[in-house]
Amino acid sequence: MSVHDGPAPHPLVGRQRLLVAALQIASWVGLAAAFVGLVGPGEVRDLAAGVFVGVVVGTPFGRLVWLMVRWIRRGDPRFAVAAGALLTVVALAASTAWW
């Protein structure tokens, strides 16, 4: 080993690569839907605007579910319960809109 090799890679690098990729895809889908929602014709514009709202609202909840499952698998019940409680509060709040 020479002095020019640098430090060894950190063992936690890349552990969230799938989550990062999913969030990047959601960002690009949201950007494309917003663009089409602005310049698209009639019904296509309305559909794209709905997709954009769905992506903007759904992405944080998808991330929270992803992390909750990860915390359950890693055996960290405190964070998993907190995530589940947050999802429950949001579901209850959303359900009041349909009452």
PDB file of N, CA and C in Angstrom:
ATOM      1  N   MET A   1       0.850  -1.177   0.000  1.00  0.00           N
ATOM      2  CA  MET A   1       0.000   0.000   0.000  1.00  0.00           C
ATOM      3  C   MET A   1       0.891   1.235   0.000  1.00  0.00           C
ATOM      4  N   SER A   2       0.630   2.106  -0.943  1.00  0.00           N
ATOM      5  CA  SER A   2       1.427   3.323  -1.017  1.00  0.00           C
ATOM      6  C   SER A   2       0.673   4.477  -0.353  1.00  0.00           C
ATOM      7  N   VAL A   3       1.380   5.568  -0.174  1.00  0.00           N
ATOM      8  CA  VAL A   3       0.776   6.734   0.465  1.00  0.00           C
ATOM      9  C   VAL A   3      -0.214   7.434  -0.450  1.00  0.00           C
ATOM     10  N   HIS A   4      -0.259   7.077  -1.731  1.00  0.00           N
ATOM     11  CA  HIS A   4      -1.137   7.740  -2.688  1.00  0.00           C
ATOM     12  C   HIS A   4      -2.456   7.018  -2.880  1.00  0.00           C
ATOM     13  N   ASP A   5      -2.674   5.923  -2.160  1.00  0.00           N
ATOM     14  CA  ASP A   5      -3.915   5.173  -2.324  1.00  0.00           C
ATOM     15  C   ASP A   5      -5.108   5.872  -1.681  1.00  0.00           C
ATOM     16  N   GLY A   6      -4.902   6.691  -0.696  1.00  0.00           N
ATOM     17  CA  GLY A   6      -5.990   7.371  -0.018  1.00  0.00           C
ATOM     18  C   GLY A   6      -6.633   6.475   1.021  1.00  0.00           C
ATOM     19  N   PRO A   7      -7.636   7.005   1.697  1.00  0.00           N
ATOM     20  CA  PRO A   7      -8.282   6.222   2.747  1.00  0.00           C
ATOM     21  C   PRO A   7      -9.146   5.104   2.153  1.00  0.00           C
ATOM     22  N   ALA A   8      -9.383   4.118   2.969  1.00  0.00           N
ATOM     23  CA  ALA A   8     -10.249   3.015   2.545  1.00  0.00           C
ATOM     24  C   ALA A   8     -11.681   3.527   2.414  1.00  0.00           C
ATOM     25  N   PRO A   9     -12.475   2.909   1.545  1.00  0.00           N
ATOM     26  CA  PRO A   9     -13.866   3.364   1.396  1.00  0.00           C
ATOM     27  C   PRO A   9     -14.657   3.154   2.689  1.00  0.00           C
ATOM     28  N   HIS A  10     -15.551   4.055   2.952  1.00  0.00           N
ATOM     29  CA  HIS A  10     -16.386   3.963   4.139  1.00  0.00           C
ATOM     30  C   HIS A  10     -17.374   2.813   3.966  1.00  0.00           C
ATOM     31  N   PRO A  11     -17.597   1.999   4.990  1.00  0.00           N
ATOM     32  CA  PRO A  11     -18.469   0.831   4.836  1.00  0.00           C
ATOM     33  C   PRO A  11     -19.940   1.173   4.610  1.00  0.00           C
ATOM     34  N   LEU A  12     -20.367   2.390   4.921  1.00  0.00           N
ATOM     35  CA  LEU A  12     -21.771   2.762   4.745  1.00  0.00           C
ATOM     36  C   LEU A  12     -22.062   3.416   3.393  1.00  0.00           C
ATOM     37  N   VAL A  13     -21.038   3.639   2.587  1.00  0.00           N
ATOM     38  CA  VAL A  13     -21.232   4.264   1.287  1.00  0.00           C
ATOM     39  C   VAL A  13     -22.061   3.337   0.398  1.00  0.00           C
ATOM     40  N   GLY A  14     -23.101   3.884  -0.179  1.00  0.00           N
ATOM     41  CA  GLY A  14     -23.920   3.122  -1.110  1.00  0.00           C
ATOM     42  C   GLY A  14     -25.054   2.334  -0.476  1.00  0.00           C
ATOM     43  N   ARG A  15     -25.259   2.451   0.824  1.00  0.00           N
ATOM     44  CA  ARG A  15     -26.285   1.625   1.466  1.00  0.00           C
ATOM     45  C   ARG A  15     -27.695   2.074   1.103  1.00  0.00           C
ATOM     46  N   GLN A  16     -27.855   3.284   0.672  1.00  0.00           N
ATOM     47  CA  GLN A  16     -29.175   3.797   0.293  1.00  0.00           C
ATOM     48  C   GLN A  16     -29.279   4.041  -1.211  1.00  0.00           C
ATOM     49  N   ARG A  17     -28.480   3.337  -2.006  1.00  0.00           N
ATOM     50  CA  ARG A  17     -28.434   3.620  -3.443  1.00  0.00           C
ATOM     51  C   ARG A  17     -29.769   3.370  -4.133  1.00  0.00           C
ATOM     52  N   LEU A  18     -30.532   2.357  -3.700  1.00  0.00           N
ATOM     53  CA  LEU A  18     -31.826   2.101  -4.323  1.00  0.00           C
ATOM     54  C   LEU A  18     -32.830   3.197  -3.981  1.00  0.00           C
ATOM     55  N   LEU A  19     -32.803   3.648  -2.742  1.00  0.00           N
ATOM     56  CA  LEU A  19     -33.685   4.745  -2.346  1.00  0.00           C
ATOM     57  C   LEU A  19     -33.333   6.015  -3.110  1.00  0.00           C
ATOM     58  N   VAL A  20     -32.048   6.302  -3.235  1.00  0.00           N
ATOM     59  CA  VAL A  20     -31.610   7.492  -3.975  1.00  0.00           C
ATOM     60  C   VAL A  20     -32.053   7.395  -5.438  1.00  0.00           C
ATOM     61  N   ALA A  21     -31.900   6.223  -6.041  1.00  0.00           N
ATOM     62  CA  ALA A  21     -32.328   6.047  -7.433  1.00  0.00           C
ATOM     63  C   ALA A  21     -33.839   6.247  -7.575  1.00  0.00           C
ATOM     64  N   ALA A  22     -34.610   5.708  -6.632  1.00  0.00           N
ATOM     65  CA  ALA A  22     -36.066   5.869  -6.682  1.00  0.00           C
ATOM     66  C   ALA A  22     -36.462   7.335  -6.539  1.00  0.00           C
ATOM     67  N   LEU A  23     -35.801   8.060  -5.664  1.00  0.00           N
ATOM     68  CA  LEU A  23     -36.103   9.480  -5.485  1.00  0.00           C
ATOM     69  C   LEU A  23     -35.697  10.304  -6.709  1.00  0.00           C
ATOM     70  N   GLN A  24     -34.600   9.923  -7.348  1.00  0.00           N
ATOM     71  CA  GLN A  24     -34.203  10.620  -8.576  1.00  0.00           C
ATOM     72  C   GLN A  24     -35.217  10.384  -9.690  1.00  0.00           C
ATOM     73  N   ILE A  25     -35.689   9.151  -9.810  1.00  0.00           N
ATOM     74  CA  ILE A  25     -36.702   8.842 -10.823  1.00  0.00           C
ATOM     75  C   ILE A  25     -37.975   9.628 -10.539  1.00  0.00           C
ATOM     76  N   ALA A  26     -38.400   9.665  -9.279  1.00  0.00           N
ATOM     77  CA  ALA A  26     -39.601  10.424  -8.921  1.00  0.00           C
ATOM     78  C   ALA A  26     -39.425  11.906  -9.250  1.00  0.00           C
ATOM     79  N   SER A  27     -38.228  12.426  -9.035  1.00  0.00           N
ATOM     80  CA  SER A  27     -37.972  13.834  -9.358  1.00  0.00           C
ATOM     81  C   SER A  27     -38.115  14.091 -10.853  1.00  0.00           C
ATOM     82  N   TRP A  28     -37.546  13.214 -11.667  1.00  0.00           N
ATOM     83  CA  TRP A  28     -37.636  13.397 -13.116  1.00  0.00           C
ATOM     84  C   TRP A  28     -39.065  13.201 -13.633  1.00  0.00           C
ATOM     85  N   VAL A  29     -39.782  12.241 -13.069  1.00  0.00           N
ATOM     86  CA  VAL A  29     -41.187  12.038 -13.462  1.00  0.00           C
ATOM     87  C   VAL A  29     -42.009  13.269 -13.081  1.00  0.00           C
ATOM     88  N   GLY A  30     -41.783  13.778 -11.868  1.00  0.00           N
ATOM     89  CA  GLY A  30     -42.496  14.983 -11.441  1.00  0.00           C
ATOM     90  C   GLY A  30     -42.179  16.181 -12.313  1.00  0.00           C
ATOM     91  N   LEU A  31     -40.915  16.345 -12.680  1.00  0.00           N
ATOM     92  CA  LEU A  31     -40.519  17.455 -13.543  1.00  0.00           C
ATOM     93  C   LEU A  31     -41.172  17.338 -14.917  1.00  0.00           C
ATOM     94  N   ALA A  32     -41.151  16.148 -15.484  1.00  0.00           N
ATOM     95  CA  ALA A  32     -41.768  15.938 -16.796  1.00  0.00           C
ATOM     96  C   ALA A  32     -43.274  16.163 -16.724  1.00  0.00           C
ATOM     97  N   ALA A  33     -43.913  15.665 -15.664  1.00  0.00           N
ATOM     98  CA  ALA A  33     -45.360  15.846 -15.529  1.00  0.00           C
ATOM     99  C   ALA A  33     -45.709  17.318 -15.350  1.00  0.00           C
ATOM    100  N   ALA A  34     -44.900  18.050 -14.600  1.00  0.00           N
ATOM    101  CA  ALA A  34     -45.152  19.479 -14.421  1.00  0.00           C
ATOM    102  C   ALA A  34     -45.017  20.219 -15.744  1.00  0.00           C
ATOM    103  N   PHE A  35     -44.008  19.868 -16.526  1.00  0.00           N
ATOM    104  CA  PHE A  35     -43.823  20.517 -17.829  1.00  0.00           C
ATOM    105  C   PHE A  35     -44.998  20.246 -18.748  1.00  0.00           C
ATOM    106  N   VAL A  36     -45.408  18.973 -18.835  1.00  0.00           N
ATOM    107  CA  VAL A  36     -46.547  18.631 -19.692  1.00  0.00           C
ATOM    108  C   VAL A  36     -47.818  19.282 -19.149  1.00  0.00           C
ATOM    109  N   GLY A  37     -47.935  19.377 -17.835  1.00  0.00           N
ATOM    110  CA  GLY A  37     -49.090  20.038 -17.241  1.00  0.00           C
ATOM    111  C   GLY A  37     -49.161  21.516 -17.573  1.00  0.00           C
ATOM    112  N   LEU A  38     -48.022  22.110 -17.861  1.00  0.00           N
ATOM    113  CA  LEU A  38     -48.005  23.527 -18.221  1.00  0.00           C
ATOM    114  C   LEU A  38     -48.266  23.767 -19.702  1.00  0.00           C
ATOM    115  N   VAL A  39     -47.731  22.908 -20.553  1.00  0.00           N
ATOM    116  CA  VAL A  39     -47.786  23.189 -21.994  1.00  0.00           C
ATOM    117  C   VAL A  39     -48.621  22.189 -22.786  1.00  0.00           C
ATOM    118  N   GLY A  40     -49.100  21.146 -22.153  1.00  0.00           N
ATOM    119  CA  GLY A  40     -49.847  20.114 -22.880  1.00  0.00           C
ATOM    120  C   GLY A  40     -51.234  20.567 -23.275  1.00  0.00           C
ATOM    121  N   PRO A  41     -51.849  19.834 -24.202  1.00  0.00           N
ATOM    122  CA  PRO A  41     -53.204  20.167 -24.624  1.00  0.00           C
ATOM    123  C   PRO A  41     -54.255  19.572 -23.677  1.00  0.00           C
ATOM    124  N   GLY A  42     -55.318  20.287 -23.425  1.00  0.00           N
ATOM    125  CA  GLY A  42     -56.524  19.881 -22.716  1.00  0.00           C
ATOM    126  C   GLY A  42     -56.440  18.757 -21.706  1.00  0.00           C
ATOM    127  N   GLU A  43     -56.949  17.590 -22.098  1.00  0.00           N
ATOM    128  CA  GLU A  43     -57.034  16.454 -21.182  1.00  0.00           C
ATOM    129  C   GLU A  43     -55.655  15.923 -20.784  1.00  0.00           C
ATOM    130  N   VAL A  44     -54.710  15.999 -21.693  1.00  0.00           N
ATOM    131  CA  VAL A  44     -53.347  15.555 -21.376  1.00  0.00           C
ATOM    132  C   VAL A  44     -52.762  16.441 -20.279  1.00  0.00           C
ATOM    133  N   ARG A  45     -53.027  17.728 -20.372  1.00  0.00           N
ATOM    134  CA  ARG A  45     -52.547  18.672 -19.365  1.00  0.00           C
ATOM    135  C   ARG A  45     -53.134  18.340 -17.995  1.00  0.00           C
ATOM    136  N   ASP A  46     -54.439  18.052 -17.962  1.00  0.00           N
ATOM    137  CA  ASP A  46     -55.087  17.723 -16.699  1.00  0.00           C
ATOM    138  C   ASP A  46     -54.543  16.418 -16.110  1.00  0.00           C
ATOM    139  N   LEU A  47     -54.325  15.427 -16.951  1.00  0.00           N
ATOM    140  CA  LEU A  47     -53.774  14.152 -16.489  1.00  0.00           C
ATOM    141  C   LEU A  47     -52.352  14.341 -15.958  1.00  0.00           C
ATOM    142  N   ALA A  48     -51.535  15.104 -16.676  1.00  0.00           N
ATOM    143  CA  ALA A  48     -50.154  15.347 -16.241  1.00  0.00           C
ATOM    144  C   ALA A  48     -50.128  16.112 -14.930  1.00  0.00           C
ATOM    145  N   ALA A  49     -51.039  17.066 -14.770  1.00  0.00           N
ATOM    146  CA  ALA A  49     -51.096  17.813 -13.509  1.00  0.00           C
ATOM    147  C   ALA A  49     -51.464  16.878 -12.361  1.00  0.00           C
ATOM    148  N   GLY A  50     -52.375  15.952 -12.607  1.00  0.00           N
ATOM    149  CA  GLY A  50     -52.727  14.966 -11.579  1.00  0.00           C
ATOM    150  C   GLY A  50     -51.565  14.053 -11.242  1.00  0.00           C
ATOM    151  N   VAL A  51     -50.807  13.648 -12.255  1.00  0.00           N
ATOM    152  CA  VAL A  51     -49.618  12.822 -12.018  1.00  0.00           C
ATOM    153  C   VAL A  51     -48.599  13.596 -11.196  1.00  0.00           C
ATOM    154  N   PHE A  52     -48.414  14.860 -11.519  1.00  0.00           N
ATOM    155  CA  PHE A  52     -47.472  15.685 -10.769  1.00  0.00           C
ATOM    156  C   PHE A  52     -47.862  15.773  -9.297  1.00  0.00           C
ATOM    157  N   VAL A  53     -49.133  16.054  -9.035  1.00  0.00           N
ATOM    158  CA  VAL A  53     -49.593  16.148  -7.644  1.00  0.00           C
ATOM    159  C   VAL A  53     -49.400  14.805  -6.940  1.00  0.00           C
ATOM    160  N   GLY A  54     -49.713  13.708  -7.632  1.00  0.00           N
ATOM    161  CA  GLY A  54     -49.525  12.384  -7.045  1.00  0.00           C
ATOM    162  C   GLY A  54     -48.069  12.097  -6.704  1.00  0.00           C
ATOM    163  N   VAL A  55     -47.169  12.492  -7.591  1.00  0.00           N
ATOM    164  CA  VAL A  55     -45.738  12.273  -7.341  1.00  0.00           C
ATOM    165  C   VAL A  55     -45.257  13.135  -6.181  1.00  0.00           C
ATOM    166  N   VAL A  56     -45.668  14.395  -6.164  1.00  0.00           N
ATOM    167  CA  VAL A  56     -45.218  15.310  -5.108  1.00  0.00           C
ATOM    168  C   VAL A  56     -45.758  14.880  -3.742  1.00  0.00           C
ATOM    169  N   VAL A  57     -46.988  14.388  -3.698  1.00  0.00           N
ATOM    170  CA  VAL A  57     -47.577  13.959  -2.435  1.00  0.00           C
ATOM    171  C   VAL A  57     -47.109  12.549  -2.067  1.00  0.00           C
ATOM    172  N   GLY A  58     -47.018  11.663  -3.048  1.00  0.00           N
ATOM    173  CA  GLY A  58     -46.721  10.266  -2.776  1.00  0.00           C
ATOM    174  C   GLY A  58     -45.264   9.944  -2.492  1.00  0.00           C
ATOM    175  N   THR A  59     -44.351  10.699  -3.051  1.00  0.00           N
ATOM    176  CA  THR A  59     -42.930  10.396  -2.885  1.00  0.00           C
ATOM    177  C   THR A  59     -42.473  10.431  -1.415  1.00  0.00           C
ATOM    178  N   PRO A  60     -42.819  11.443  -0.638  1.00  0.00           N
ATOM    179  CA  PRO A  60     -42.393  11.418   0.764  1.00  0.00           C
ATOM    180  C   PRO A  60     -42.982  10.238   1.541  1.00  0.00           C
ATOM    181  N   PHE A  61     -44.223   9.859   1.216  1.00  0.00           N
ATOM    182  CA  PHE A  61     -44.829   8.724   1.910  1.00  0.00           C
ATOM    183  C   PHE A  61     -44.181   7.419   1.489  1.00  0.00           C
ATOM    184  N   GLY A  62     -43.836   7.303   0.236  1.00  0.00           N
ATOM    185  CA  GLY A  62     -43.109   6.118  -0.222  1.00  0.00           C
ATOM    186  C   GLY A  62     -41.758   6.007   0.454  1.00  0.00           C
ATOM    187  N   ARG A  63     -41.084   7.128   0.605  1.00  0.00           N
ATOM    188  CA  ARG A  63     -39.790   7.143   1.294  1.00  0.00           C
ATOM    189  C   ARG A  63     -39.951   6.742   2.752  1.00  0.00           C
ATOM    190  N   LEU A  64     -41.003   7.223   3.386  1.00  0.00           N
ATOM    191  CA  LEU A  64     -41.247   6.885   4.785  1.00  0.00           C
ATOM    192  C   LEU A  64     -41.547   5.398   4.949  1.00  0.00           C
ATOM    193  N   VAL A  65     -42.338   4.837   4.041  1.00  0.00           N
ATOM    194  CA  VAL A  65     -42.619   3.398   4.096  1.00  0.00           C
ATOM    195  C   VAL A  65     -41.328   2.611   3.882  1.00  0.00           C
ATOM    196  N   TRP A  66     -40.531   3.030   2.916  1.00  0.00           N
ATOM    197  CA  TRP A  66     -39.253   2.373   2.625  1.00  0.00           C
ATOM    198  C   TRP A  66     -38.374   2.347   3.875  1.00  0.00           C
ATOM    199  N   LEU A  67     -38.255   3.511   4.525  1.00  0.00           N
ATOM    200  CA  LEU A  67     -37.417   3.595   5.721  1.00  0.00           C
ATOM    201  C   LEU A  67     -38.018   2.800   6.884  1.00  0.00           C
ATOM    202  N   MET A  68     -39.343   2.796   7.019  1.00  0.00           N
ATOM    203  CA  MET A  68     -39.969   2.031   8.083  1.00  0.00           C
ATOM    204  C   MET A  68     -39.671   0.538   7.931  1.00  0.00           C
ATOM    205  N   VAL A  69     -39.781   0.036   6.717  1.00  0.00           N
ATOM    206  CA  VAL A  69     -39.457  -1.373   6.469  1.00  0.00           C
ATOM    207  C   VAL A  69     -37.989  -1.636   6.777  1.00  0.00           C
ATOM    208  N   ARG A  70     -37.125  -0.728   6.403  1.00  0.00           N
ATOM    209  CA  ARG A  70     -35.692  -0.889   6.691  1.00  0.00           C
ATOM    210  C   ARG A  70     -35.433  -0.927   8.188  1.00  0.00           C
ATOM    211  N   TRP A  71     -36.108  -0.041   8.924  1.00  0.00           N
ATOM    212  CA  TRP A  71     -35.925  -0.014  10.370  1.00  0.00           C
ATOM    213  C   TRP A  71     -36.457  -1.280  11.025  1.00  0.00           C
ATOM    214  N   ILE A  72     -37.544  -1.817  10.503  1.00  0.00           N
ATOM    215  CA  ILE A  72     -38.065  -3.080  11.028  1.00  0.00           C
ATOM    216  C   ILE A  72     -37.052  -4.194  10.781  1.00  0.00           C
ATOM    217  N   ARG A  73     -36.505  -4.262   9.578  1.00  0.00           N
ATOM    218  CA  ARG A  73     -35.518  -5.295   9.251  1.00  0.00           C
ATOM    219  C   ARG A  73     -34.246  -5.178  10.084  1.00  0.00           C
ATOM    220  N   ARG A  74     -33.848  -3.955  10.393  1.00  0.00           N
ATOM    221  CA  ARG A  74     -32.625  -3.745  11.174  1.00  0.00           C
ATOM    222  C   ARG A  74     -32.863  -3.877  12.670  1.00  0.00           C
ATOM    223  N   GLY A  75     -34.111  -4.040  13.065  1.00  0.00           N
ATOM    224  CA  GLY A  75     -34.414  -4.220  14.474  1.00  0.00           C
ATOM    225  C   GLY A  75     -34.407  -2.940  15.284  1.00  0.00           C
ATOM    226  N   ASP A  76     -34.845  -1.843  14.669  1.00  0.00           N
ATOM    227  CA  ASP A  76     -34.927  -0.567  15.376  1.00  0.00           C
ATOM    228  C   ASP A  76     -36.394  -0.182  15.530  1.00  0.00           C
ATOM    229  N   PRO A  77     -37.062  -0.721  16.561  1.00  0.00           N
ATOM    230  CA  PRO A  77     -38.507  -0.520  16.673  1.00  0.00           C
ATOM    231  C   PRO A  77     -38.917   0.916  16.975  1.00  0.00           C
ATOM    232  N   ARG A  78     -38.061   1.696  17.605  1.00  0.00           N
ATOM    233  CA  ARG A  78     -38.441   3.077  17.929  1.00  0.00           C
ATOM    234  C   ARG A  78     -38.742   3.882  16.669  1.00  0.00           C
ATOM    235  N   PHE A  79     -37.822   3.836  15.709  1.00  0.00           N
ATOM    236  CA  PHE A  79     -38.033   4.590  14.479  1.00  0.00           C
ATOM    237  C   PHE A  79     -39.152   3.988  13.642  1.00  0.00           C
ATOM    238  N   ALA A  80     -39.272   2.664  13.638  1.00  0.00           N
ATOM    239  CA  ALA A  80     -40.340   2.010  12.885  1.00  0.00           C
ATOM    240  C   ALA A  80     -41.706   2.396  13.436  1.00  0.00           C
ATOM    241  N   VAL A  81     -41.848   2.419  14.745  1.00  0.00           N
ATOM    242  CA  VAL A  81     -43.125   2.808  15.357  1.00  0.00           C
ATOM    243  C   VAL A  81     -43.413   4.287  15.083  1.00  0.00           C
ATOM    244  N   ALA A  82     -42.400   5.118  15.158  1.00  0.00           N
ATOM    245  CA  ALA A  82     -42.594   6.542  14.864  1.00  0.00           C
ATOM    246  C   ALA A  82     -43.048   6.744  13.419  1.00  0.00           C
ATOM    247  N   ALA A  83     -42.440   6.024  12.488  1.00  0.00           N
ATOM    248  CA  ALA A  83     -42.847   6.127  11.082  1.00  0.00           C
ATOM    249  C   ALA A  83     -44.272   5.624  10.901  1.00  0.00           C
ATOM    250  N   GLY A  84     -44.604   4.503  11.546  1.00  0.00           N
ATOM    251  CA  GLY A  84     -45.962   3.980  11.464  1.00  0.00           C
ATOM    252  C   GLY A  84     -46.979   4.940  12.057  1.00  0.00           C
ATOM    253  N   ALA A  85     -46.624   5.587  13.158  1.00  0.00           N
ATOM    254  CA  ALA A  85     -47.524   6.567  13.767  1.00  0.00           C
ATOM    255  C   ALA A  85     -47.740   7.758  12.843  1.00  0.00           C
ATOM    256  N   LEU A  86     -46.679   8.222  12.203  1.00  0.00           N
ATOM    257  CA  LEU A  86     -46.807   9.340  11.277  1.00  0.00           C
ATOM    258  C   LEU A  86     -47.691   8.967  10.090  1.00  0.00           C
ATOM    259  N   LEU A  87     -47.489   7.775   9.550  1.00  0.00           N
ATOM    260  CA  LEU A  87     -48.338   7.325   8.443  1.00  0.00           C
ATOM    261  C   LEU A  87     -49.794   7.194   8.880  1.00  0.00           C
ATOM    262  N   THR A  88     -50.026   6.738  10.104  1.00  0.00           N
ATOM    263  CA  THR A  88     -51.390   6.623  10.616  1.00  0.00           C
ATOM    264  C   THR A  88     -52.049   7.987  10.758  1.00  0.00           C
ATOM    265  N   VAL A  89     -51.320   8.954  11.286  1.00  0.00           N
ATOM    266  CA  VAL A  89     -51.864  10.305  11.428  1.00  0.00           C
ATOM    267  C   VAL A  89     -52.216  10.890  10.061  1.00  0.00           C
ATOM    268  N   VAL A  90     -51.341  10.695   9.093  1.00  0.00           N
ATOM    269  CA  VAL A  90     -51.606  11.225   7.750  1.00  0.00           C
ATOM    270  C   VAL A  90     -52.816  10.522   7.129  1.00  0.00           C
ATOM    271  N   ALA A  91     -52.921   9.203   7.316  1.00  0.00           N
ATOM    272  CA  ALA A  91     -54.070   8.459   6.774  1.00  0.00           C
ATOM    273  C   ALA A  91     -55.369   8.918   7.430  1.00  0.00           C
ATOM    274  N   LEU A  92     -55.350   9.126   8.729  1.00  0.00           N
ATOM    275  CA  LEU A  92     -56.555   9.623   9.412  1.00  0.00           C
ATOM    276  C   LEU A  92     -56.922  11.031   8.939  1.00  0.00           C
ATOM    277  N   ALA A  93     -55.927  11.875   8.775  1.00  0.00           N
ATOM    278  CA  ALA A  93     -56.192  13.229   8.302  1.00  0.00           C
ATOM    279  C   ALA A  93     -56.746  13.212   6.882  1.00  0.00           C
ATOM    280  N   ALA A  94     -56.205  12.360   6.032  1.00  0.00           N
ATOM    281  CA  ALA A  94     -56.700  12.269   4.663  1.00  0.00           C
ATOM    282  C   ALA A  94     -58.107  11.685   4.616  1.00  0.00           C
ATOM    283  N   SER A  95     -58.396  10.756   5.524  1.00  0.00           N
ATOM    284  CA  SER A  95     -59.719  10.140   5.514  1.00  0.00           C
ATOM    285  C   SER A  95     -60.816  11.122   5.918  1.00  0.00           C
ATOM    286  N   THR A  96     -60.474  12.144   6.680  1.00  0.00           N
ATOM    287  CA  THR A  96     -61.491  13.123   7.054  1.00  0.00           C
ATOM    288  C   THR A  96     -61.998  13.908   5.846  1.00  0.00           C
ATOM    289  N   ALA A  97     -61.210  13.968   4.797  1.00  0.00           N
ATOM    290  CA  ALA A  97     -61.645  14.663   3.584  1.00  0.00           C
ATOM    291  C   ALA A  97     -62.810  13.938   2.906  1.00  0.00           C
ATOM    292  N   TRP A  98     -62.906  12.634   3.118  1.00  0.00           N
ATOM    293  CA  TRP A  98     -63.984  11.859   2.481  1.00  0.00           C
ATOM    294  C   TRP A  98     -65.229  11.757   3.353  1.00  0.00           C
ATOM    295  N   TRP A  99     -65.185  12.242   4.600  1.00  0.00           N
ATOM    296  CA  TRP A  99     -66.350  12.157   5.473  1.00  0.00           C
ATOM    297  C   TRP A  99     -67.286  13.225   5.127  1.00  0.00           C
TER     298      TRP A  99
END
